[in-house]
Amino acid sequence: MTIAPYLREIGRGKDGARSLTREQSADLMARLLDGEVGDVEAGAFAIAMRIKGETPEELAGFMDAVALRLLPLPAPPATGAVVLPSYNGARRLPNLVPLLALQLAREGLPVLVHGLEEDPGRVTTAAVFEALGLPPVRDAAGVAARWAAGAPAFIATDDLHPSLARVLALRRLIGLRNPAHSLAKLLPALGPARQAVRVVNHTHPEYATSLGEFLARTRATALLMRGTEGEPVADARRCPRLTAFLDGVEQPALSVEAQGGSLVSVPELPPAIDPASTAAYIADVMSGARPLPTPIATQMMALRALADAARD
């Protein structure tokens, strides 16, 4: 089934393009996810949206279609849970998403991490978890088993949402991101449960506004922040602003202002960012041989407080 009517609306260039309604966006994304759109039209969609940019209303509609096709996972317990979307990988700094996940799990919070297993030229969270002896799980039973063991669970997008993974793969075909990259980072992977706290990260300041509008529109419980190289973990050197949302309402009392001023000291990080070096550093921090970087401790406490507020 053709998506040409939608392409005529969104494909008029940066100044002439028209935005879709939430219902139209849901229908368009459903066709993409269900494989009803050919490669040419899928590529045209990606290019048109790259030029136009997606509105919060369109993102909400796209997510309506995406959420219906998620792999059903265990409901989070009454204590709450944290979801960390990992889709960028490390290029210059060590990937410390597994450190945050392990610290949260130690606090008694079930943690679900989802993302890419492989990404050429980058160190994925999956690779670091593998080096720590925590390979990806493949299904809901694997998630439940990892949680029962008191450990975080990493599941690949290919297993969590195969159809979204196919839309993500358009990037390798045409060399441009598309709305699926934003949707992957916004996935309500544990369903609409209020006590499941998502970390939503962005790489460019302008996205903070549009993502905040999306979280409000969809009544999400989430911690919005600027990620470290696009990953949902605070920069070990300086804490970014952490904006808490509870049922879509911003919570100033649960939010954290960005760390300002000059850095008095810089934490000792591993000189190499490969999985083995990063895993060895994380193991040292978990054992107490190295200190936990203060920004990551701050993020952990913010997530704990938000999970408690969601539970109450």
Foldseek 3Di string as FASTA:
>chain_A
DDPVVQLVQLVPFQPRHHADALQNLLVVLLCLLVVVYDPVRLLSQQVSCLGHPHFLRSLNSNLVNQQVQWAAADAFDLLFAEEWEWEFADQQAADCPQLLQLVLLVVVHAYEYEYACDDPRGATPQLLCVLLVQHADQHRVSSVVCSVVSGYHYYYCCRGGVSLVVSQCVCVVPVGGGCSVQSSQVHPSNPQQQLYEYEREDADPVVQVRVLVNCLVQQHFYWYWHDDSRTRAADLQWADKTWTGGRSRTDPVLIDHTDDDDGPDGADGFPDRHSNSSNVVSVCCVVVVGPRRPNSVSVSVSSSVSSVVSSD
